[in-house]
Structures are given as structure tokens and as C-alpha cells.
Amino acid sequence: MFKKSILVFFLCVIFTSKLSFSQCAMCKAVVENGDISMAEGVNNGITYLMVFPYLLIGILFFVIYRYKKKASG
């Protein structure tokens, strides 16, 4: 059950990061005045910055899982 919920969580994170290319108002204003490659660069930068908090939380949950598994075993 636990493995399925983690798999579903990571699939949701992956699919949402690909589908939601949202930007703040300033980013949108800068991109509207630029070209397509600049817009793609801003979107990639936002996605790149968004990945690290999810990785850190995932690592934290993995460490807690390993600790609890070792303590109960």
C-alpha cells in the first residue's frame, strides 16, 4: 500500500510539472516581449527550480522510512 501511494505521488508530481507551465506576472511580462526560445528558457528554469524541493522532501521521507524499517526490524 505504501509503495503504491509513493508511486502515485511521484507520477502526479511528474505529470503536473509537465502540464503546468505557469508564470508570475513579471515573468509573463518579460516573456511577452521576448521570443519563443526565451519563453521556453523561463519555463525550463521554473521547472528546474521547482524540482529541488520535491527531491529534498522525497529524500527526507526515504530516510524516515529506512529509519522506521530498521527500528521495527
PDB file of N, CA and C in Angstrom:
ATOM      1  N   MET A   1       0.818  -1.197   0.000  1.00  0.00           N
ATOM      2  CA  MET A   1       0.000   0.000   0.000  1.00  0.00           C
ATOM      3  C   MET A   1       0.861   1.260   0.000  1.00  0.00           C
ATOM      4  N   PHE A   2       1.914   1.230   0.830  1.00  0.00           N
ATOM      5  CA  PHE A   2       2.792   2.392   0.942  1.00  0.00           C
ATOM      6  C   PHE A   2       3.531   2.648  -0.363  1.00  0.00           C
ATOM      7  N   LYS A   3       3.995   1.584  -1.015  1.00  0.00           N
ATOM      8  CA  LYS A   3       4.718   1.738  -2.285  1.00  0.00           C
ATOM      9  C   LYS A   3       3.801   2.286  -3.382  1.00  0.00           C
ATOM     10  N   LYS A   4       2.552   1.847  -3.386  1.00  0.00           N
ATOM     11  CA  LYS A   4       1.612   2.345  -4.388  1.00  0.00           C
ATOM     12  C   LYS A   4       1.342   3.827  -4.201  1.00  0.00           C
ATOM     13  N   SER A   5       1.211   4.260  -2.949  1.00  0.00           N
ATOM     14  CA  SER A   5       0.932   5.674  -2.717  1.00  0.00           C
ATOM     15  C   SER A   5       2.133   6.542  -3.092  1.00  0.00           C
ATOM     16  N   ILE A   6       3.340   6.055  -2.856  1.00  0.00           N
ATOM     17  CA  ILE A   6       4.534   6.810  -3.262  1.00  0.00           C
ATOM     18  C   ILE A   6       4.622   6.874  -4.777  1.00  0.00           C
ATOM     19  N   LEU A   7       4.327   5.774  -5.447  1.00  0.00           N
ATOM     20  CA  LEU A   7       4.349   5.759  -6.910  1.00  0.00           C
ATOM     21  C   LEU A   7       3.317   6.740  -7.474  1.00  0.00           C
ATOM     22  N   VAL A   8       2.132   6.745  -6.909  1.00  0.00           N
ATOM     23  CA  VAL A   8       1.091   7.675  -7.368  1.00  0.00           C
ATOM     24  C   VAL A   8       1.527   9.117  -7.118  1.00  0.00           C
ATOM     25  N   PHE A   9       2.141   9.372  -5.964  1.00  0.00           N
ATOM     26  CA  PHE A   9       2.611  10.723  -5.651  1.00  0.00           C
ATOM     27  C   PHE A   9       3.634  11.196  -6.676  1.00  0.00           C
ATOM     28  N   PHE A  10       4.634  10.383  -6.973  1.00  0.00           N
ATOM     29  CA  PHE A  10       5.664  10.782  -7.923  1.00  0.00           C
ATOM     30  C   PHE A  10       5.109  10.921  -9.348  1.00  0.00           C
ATOM     31  N   LEU A  11       4.175  10.089  -9.733  1.00  0.00           N
ATOM     32  CA  LEU A  11       3.553  10.238 -11.043  1.00  0.00           C
ATOM     33  C   LEU A  11       2.775  11.549 -11.130  1.00  0.00           C
ATOM     34  N   CYS A  12       2.079  11.905 -10.051  1.00  0.00           N
ATOM     35  CA  CYS A  12       1.344  13.181 -10.035  1.00  0.00           C
ATOM     36  C   CYS A  12       2.304  14.354 -10.141  1.00  0.00           C
ATOM     37  N   VAL A  13       3.422  14.277  -9.434  1.00  0.00           N
ATOM     38  CA  VAL A  13       4.407  15.358  -9.479  1.00  0.00           C
ATOM     39  C   VAL A  13       4.975  15.495 -10.885  1.00  0.00           C
ATOM     40  N   ILE A  14       5.307  14.384 -11.509  1.00  0.00           N
ATOM     41  CA  ILE A  14       5.898  14.417 -12.847  1.00  0.00           C
ATOM     42  C   ILE A  14       4.902  14.974 -13.861  1.00  0.00           C
ATOM     43  N   PHE A  15       3.661  14.477 -13.839  1.00  0.00           N
ATOM     44  CA  PHE A  15       2.685  14.933 -14.814  1.00  0.00           C
ATOM     45  C   PHE A  15       2.274  16.377 -14.581  1.00  0.00           C
ATOM     46  N   THR A  16       2.190  16.796 -13.323  1.00  0.00           N
ATOM     47  CA  THR A  16       1.794  18.179 -13.062  1.00  0.00           C
ATOM     48  C   THR A  16       2.893  19.138 -13.464  1.00  0.00           C
ATOM     49  N   SER A  17       4.145  18.759 -13.271  1.00  0.00           N
ATOM     50  CA  SER A  17       5.222  19.671 -13.649  1.00  0.00           C
ATOM     51  C   SER A  17       5.297  19.828 -15.166  1.00  0.00           C
ATOM     52  N   LYS A  18       4.911  18.820 -15.915  1.00  0.00           N
ATOM     53  CA  LYS A  18       4.928  18.921 -17.374  1.00  0.00           C
ATOM     54  C   LYS A  18       3.739  19.718 -17.900  1.00  0.00           C
ATOM     55  N   LEU A  19       2.611  19.660 -17.211  1.00  0.00           N
ATOM     56  CA  LEU A  19       1.403  20.307 -17.711  1.00  0.00           C
ATOM     57  C   LEU A  19       1.229  21.738 -17.226  1.00  0.00           C
ATOM     58  N   SER A  20       1.816  22.084 -16.107  1.00  0.00           N
ATOM     59  CA  SER A  20       1.558  23.418 -15.539  1.00  0.00           C
ATOM     60  C   SER A  20       2.755  24.328 -15.748  1.00  0.00           C
ATOM     61  N   PHE A  21       2.785  24.988 -16.870  1.00  0.00           N
ATOM     62  CA  PHE A  21       3.821  25.970 -17.153  1.00  0.00           C
ATOM     63  C   PHE A  21       3.282  27.349 -16.775  1.00  0.00           C
ATOM     64  N   SER A  22       3.032  27.543 -15.492  1.00  0.00           N
ATOM     65  CA  SER A  22       2.515  28.830 -15.034  1.00  0.00           C
ATOM     66  C   SER A  22       3.679  29.757 -14.720  1.00  0.00           C
ATOM     67  N   GLN A  23       3.371  31.026 -14.771  1.00  0.00           N
ATOM     68  CA  GLN A  23       4.407  32.016 -14.519  1.00  0.00           C
ATOM     69  C   GLN A  23       3.820  33.148 -13.705  1.00  0.00           C
ATOM     70  N   CYS A  24       4.692  33.827 -12.983  1.00  0.00           N
ATOM     71  CA  CYS A  24       4.233  35.007 -12.251  1.00  0.00           C
ATOM     72  C   CYS A  24       4.012  36.154 -13.239  1.00  0.00           C
ATOM     73  N   ALA A  25       3.457  37.247 -12.750  1.00  0.00           N
ATOM     74  CA  ALA A  25       3.125  38.366 -13.630  1.00  0.00           C
ATOM     75  C   ALA A  25       4.373  38.985 -14.262  1.00  0.00           C
ATOM     76  N   MET A  26       5.452  39.119 -13.486  1.00  0.00           N
ATOM     77  CA  MET A  26       6.684  39.705 -14.027  1.00  0.00           C
ATOM     78  C   MET A  26       7.298  38.796 -15.094  1.00  0.00           C
ATOM     79  N   CYS A  27       7.322  37.511 -14.827  1.00  0.00           N
ATOM     80  CA  CYS A  27       7.881  36.583 -15.813  1.00  0.00           C
ATOM     81  C   CYS A  27       7.071  36.629 -17.105  1.00  0.00           C
ATOM     82  N   LYS A  28       5.750  36.695 -16.959  1.00  0.00           N
ATOM     83  CA  LYS A  28       4.892  36.735 -18.140  1.00  0.00           C
ATOM     84  C   LYS A  28       5.141  38.008 -18.945  1.00  0.00           C
ATOM     85  N   ALA A  29       5.313  39.139 -18.262  1.00  0.00           N
ATOM     86  CA  ALA A  29       5.567  40.399 -18.960  1.00  0.00           C
ATOM     87  C   ALA A  29       6.897  40.361 -19.706  1.00  0.00           C
ATOM     88  N   VAL A  30       7.911  39.767 -19.093  1.00  0.00           N
ATOM     89  CA  VAL A  30       9.222  39.672 -19.747  1.00  0.00           C
ATOM     90  C   VAL A  30       9.146  38.756 -20.956  1.00  0.00           C
ATOM     91  N   VAL A  31       8.435  37.647 -20.816  1.00  0.00           N
ATOM     92  CA  VAL A  31       8.356  36.668 -21.897  1.00  0.00           C
ATOM     93  C   VAL A  31       7.532  37.203 -23.070  1.00  0.00           C
ATOM     94  N   GLU A  32       6.504  37.987 -22.793  1.00  0.00           N
ATOM     95  CA  GLU A  32       5.679  38.524 -23.880  1.00  0.00           C
ATOM     96  C   GLU A  32       6.480  39.453 -24.779  1.00  0.00           C
ATOM     97  N   ASN A  33       7.495  40.094 -24.253  1.00  0.00           N
ATOM     98  CA  ASN A  33       8.322  40.990 -25.046  1.00  0.00           C
ATOM     99  C   ASN A  33       9.485  40.281 -25.725  1.00  0.00           C
ATOM    100  N   GLY A  34       9.676  39.013 -25.427  1.00  0.00           N
ATOM    101  CA  GLY A  34      10.800  38.267 -25.982  1.00  0.00           C
ATOM    102  C   GLY A  34      10.370  37.301 -27.061  1.00  0.00           C
ATOM    103  N   ASP A  35      11.260  36.385 -27.369  1.00  0.00           N
ATOM    104  CA  ASP A  35      10.962  35.391 -28.395  1.00  0.00           C
ATOM    105  C   ASP A  35      10.619  34.046 -27.756  1.00  0.00           C
ATOM    106  N   ILE A  36      10.345  33.073 -28.601  1.00  0.00           N
ATOM    107  CA  ILE A  36       9.904  31.755 -28.133  1.00  0.00           C
ATOM    108  C   ILE A  36      10.993  31.056 -27.327  1.00  0.00           C
ATOM    109  N   SER A  37      12.245  31.165 -27.763  1.00  0.00           N
ATOM    110  CA  SER A  37      13.315  30.467 -27.041  1.00  0.00           C
ATOM    111  C   SER A  37      13.483  31.030 -25.635  1.00  0.00           C
ATOM    112  N   MET A  38      13.268  32.342 -25.455  1.00  0.00           N
ATOM    113  CA  MET A  38      13.361  32.910 -24.121  1.00  0.00           C
ATOM    114  C   MET A  38      12.212  32.388 -23.251  1.00  0.00           C
ATOM    115  N   ALA A  39      11.019  32.262 -23.817  1.00  0.00           N
ATOM    116  CA  ALA A  39       9.876  31.745 -23.067  1.00  0.00           C
ATOM    117  C   ALA A  39      10.124  30.308 -22.625  1.00  0.00           C
ATOM    118  N   GLU A  40      10.677  29.506 -23.508  1.00  0.00           N
ATOM    119  CA  GLU A  40      10.984  28.123 -23.153  1.00  0.00           C
ATOM    120  C   GLU A  40      12.063  28.070 -22.081  1.00  0.00           C
ATOM    121  N   GLY A  41      13.024  28.967 -22.156  1.00  0.00           N
ATOM    122  CA  GLY A  41      14.072  29.026 -21.145  1.00  0.00           C
ATOM    123  C   GLY A  41      13.525  29.389 -19.777  1.00  0.00           C
ATOM    124  N   VAL A  42      12.590  30.336 -19.730  1.00  0.00           N
ATOM    125  CA  VAL A  42      11.977  30.716 -18.460  1.00  0.00           C
ATOM    126  C   VAL A  42      11.175  29.547 -17.896  1.00  0.00           C
ATOM    127  N   ASN A  43      10.415  28.865 -18.738  1.00  0.00           N
ATOM    128  CA  ASN A  43       9.642  27.704 -18.285  1.00  0.00           C
ATOM    129  C   ASN A  43      10.557  26.594 -17.786  1.00  0.00           C
ATOM    130  N   ASN A  44      11.650  26.344 -18.491  1.00  0.00           N
ATOM    131  CA  ASN A  44      12.585  25.319 -18.034  1.00  0.00           C
ATOM    132  C   ASN A  44      13.238  25.718 -16.717  1.00  0.00           C
ATOM    133  N   GLY A  45      13.547  26.984 -16.552  1.00  0.00           N
ATOM    134  CA  GLY A  45      14.138  27.452 -15.305  1.00  0.00           C
ATOM    135  C   GLY A  45      13.186  27.295 -14.132  1.00  0.00           C
ATOM    136  N   ILE A  46      11.918  27.606 -14.351  1.00  0.00           N
ATOM    137  CA  ILE A  46      10.919  27.441 -13.295  1.00  0.00           C
ATOM    138  C   ILE A  46      10.794  25.969 -12.916  1.00  0.00           C
ATOM    139  N   THR A  47      10.739  25.104 -13.907  1.00  0.00           N
ATOM    140  CA  THR A  47      10.655  23.670 -13.636  1.00  0.00           C
ATOM    141  C   THR A  47      11.896  23.179 -12.903  1.00  0.00           C
ATOM    142  N   TYR A  48      13.069  23.642 -13.301  1.00  0.00           N
ATOM    143  CA  TYR A  48      14.325  23.254 -12.667  1.00  0.00           C
ATOM    144  C   TYR A  48      14.331  23.670 -11.200  1.00  0.00           C
ATOM    145  N   LEU A  49      13.887  24.883 -10.906  1.00  0.00           N
ATOM    146  CA  LEU A  49      13.860  25.352  -9.527  1.00  0.00           C
ATOM    147  C   LEU A  49      12.784  24.642  -8.702  1.00  0.00           C
ATOM    148  N   MET A  50      11.735  24.177  -9.354  1.00  0.00           N
ATOM    149  CA  MET A  50      10.653  23.505  -8.656  1.00  0.00           C
ATOM    150  C   MET A  50      11.019  22.068  -8.268  1.00  0.00           C
ATOM    151  N   VAL A  51      11.943  21.448  -8.976  1.00  0.00           N
ATOM    152  CA  VAL A  51      12.270  20.043  -8.752  1.00  0.00           C
ATOM    153  C   VAL A  51      12.994  19.835  -7.422  1.00  0.00           C
ATOM    154  N   PHE A  52      13.870  20.736  -7.033  1.00  0.00           N
ATOM    155  CA  PHE A  52      14.712  20.501  -5.860  1.00  0.00           C
ATOM    156  C   PHE A  52      13.944  20.397  -4.543  1.00  0.00           C
ATOM    157  N   PRO A  53      12.930  21.210  -4.275  1.00  0.00           N
ATOM    158  CA  PRO A  53      12.176  20.977  -3.036  1.00  0.00           C
ATOM    159  C   PRO A  53      11.513  19.607  -2.996  1.00  0.00           C
ATOM    160  N   TYR A  54      10.997  19.155  -4.142  1.00  0.00           N
ATOM    161  CA  TYR A  54      10.391  17.820  -4.176  1.00  0.00           C
ATOM    162  C   TYR A  54      11.439  16.734  -3.942  1.00  0.00           C
ATOM    163  N   LEU A  55      12.624  16.905  -4.485  1.00  0.00           N
ATOM    164  CA  LEU A  55      13.688  15.929  -4.233  1.00  0.00           C
ATOM    165  C   LEU A  55      14.071  15.895  -2.764  1.00  0.00           C
ATOM    166  N   LEU A  56      14.212  17.052  -2.152  1.00  0.00           N
ATOM    167  CA  LEU A  56      14.576  17.100  -0.736  1.00  0.00           C
ATOM    168  C   LEU A  56      13.508  16.457   0.134  1.00  0.00           C
ATOM    169  N   ILE A  57      12.244  16.717  -0.157  1.00  0.00           N
ATOM    170  CA  ILE A  57      11.165  16.091   0.614  1.00  0.00           C
ATOM    171  C   ILE A  57      11.150  14.586   0.384  1.00  0.00           C
ATOM    172  N   GLY A  58      11.379  14.158  -0.853  1.00  0.00           N
ATOM    173  CA  GLY A  58      11.436  12.731  -1.152  1.00  0.00           C
ATOM    174  C   GLY A  58      12.565  12.041  -0.416  1.00  0.00           C
ATOM    175  N   ILE A  59      13.728  12.676  -0.372  1.00  0.00           N
ATOM    176  CA  ILE A  59      14.868  12.103   0.355  1.00  0.00           C
ATOM    177  C   ILE A  59      14.559  12.038   1.846  1.00  0.00           C
ATOM    178  N   LEU A  60      13.922  13.075   2.385  1.00  0.00           N
ATOM    179  CA  LEU A  60      13.555  13.072   3.795  1.00  0.00           C
ATOM    180  C   LEU A  60      12.603  11.922   4.106  1.00  0.00           C
ATOM    181  N   PHE A  61      11.583  11.728   3.282  1.00  0.00           N
ATOM    182  CA  PHE A  61      10.652  10.620   3.505  1.00  0.00           C
ATOM    183  C   PHE A  61      11.347   9.273   3.373  1.00  0.00           C
ATOM    184  N   PHE A  62      12.278   9.161   2.447  1.00  0.00           N
ATOM    185  CA  PHE A  62      13.013   7.906   2.282  1.00  0.00           C
ATOM    186  C   PHE A  62      13.851   7.611   3.519  1.00  0.00           C
ATOM    187  N   VAL A  63      14.527   8.627   4.063  1.00  0.00           N
ATOM    188  CA  VAL A  63      15.352   8.433   5.262  1.00  0.00           C
ATOM    189  C   VAL A  63      14.475   8.043   6.451  1.00  0.00           C
ATOM    190  N   ILE A  64      13.316   8.692   6.597  1.00  0.00           N
ATOM    191  CA  ILE A  64      12.409   8.344   7.687  1.00  0.00           C
ATOM    192  C   ILE A  64      11.903   6.914   7.518  1.00  0.00           C
ATOM    193  N   TYR A  65      11.569   6.546   6.295  1.00  0.00           N
ATOM    194  CA  TYR A  65      11.103   5.180   6.009  1.00  0.00           C
ATOM    195  C   TYR A  65      12.170   4.150   6.380  1.00  0.00           C
ATOM    196  N   ARG A  66      13.407   4.403   5.956  1.00  0.00           N
ATOM    197  CA  ARG A  66      14.504   3.470   6.266  1.00  0.00           C
ATOM    198  C   ARG A  66      14.748   3.386   7.767  1.00  0.00           C
ATOM    199  N   TYR A  67      14.663   4.526   8.453  1.00  0.00           N
ATOM    200  CA  TYR A  67      14.865   4.548   9.904  1.00  0.00           C
ATOM    201  C   TYR A  67      13.799   3.738  10.618  1.00  0.00           C
ATOM    202  N   LYS A  68      12.527   3.931  10.223  1.00  0.00           N
ATOM    203  CA  LYS A  68      11.437   3.200  10.872  1.00  0.00           C
ATOM    204  C   LYS A  68      11.502   1.696  10.555  1.00  0.00           C
ATOM    205  N   LYS A  69      11.900   1.383   9.324  1.00  0.00           N
ATOM    206  CA  LYS A  69      12.022  -0.029   8.943  1.00  0.00           C
ATOM    207  C   LYS A  69      13.131  -0.708   9.750  1.00  0.00           C
ATOM    208  N   LYS A  70      14.236   0.008   9.930  1.00  0.00           N
ATOM    209  CA  LYS A  70      15.359  -0.540  10.691  1.00  0.00           C
ATOM    210  C   LYS A  70      15.013  -0.654  12.170  1.00  0.00           C
ATOM    211  N   ALA A  71      14.265   0.301  12.698  1.00  0.00           N
ATOM    212  CA  ALA A  71      13.897   0.292  14.123  1.00  0.00           C
ATOM    213  C   ALA A  71      12.898  -0.815  14.444  1.00  0.00           C
ATOM    214  N   SER A  72      11.982  -1.097  13.510  1.00  0.00           N
ATOM    215  CA  SER A  72      10.976  -2.120  13.764  1.00  0.00           C
ATOM    216  C   SER A  72      11.481  -3.532  13.450  1.00  0.00           C
ATOM    217  N   GLY A  73      12.539  -3.629  12.681  1.00  0.00           N
ATOM    218  CA  GLY A  73      13.038  -4.940  12.235  1.00  0.00           C
ATOM    219  C   GLY A  73      14.054  -5.508  13.071  1.00  0.00           C
TER     220      GLY A  73
END
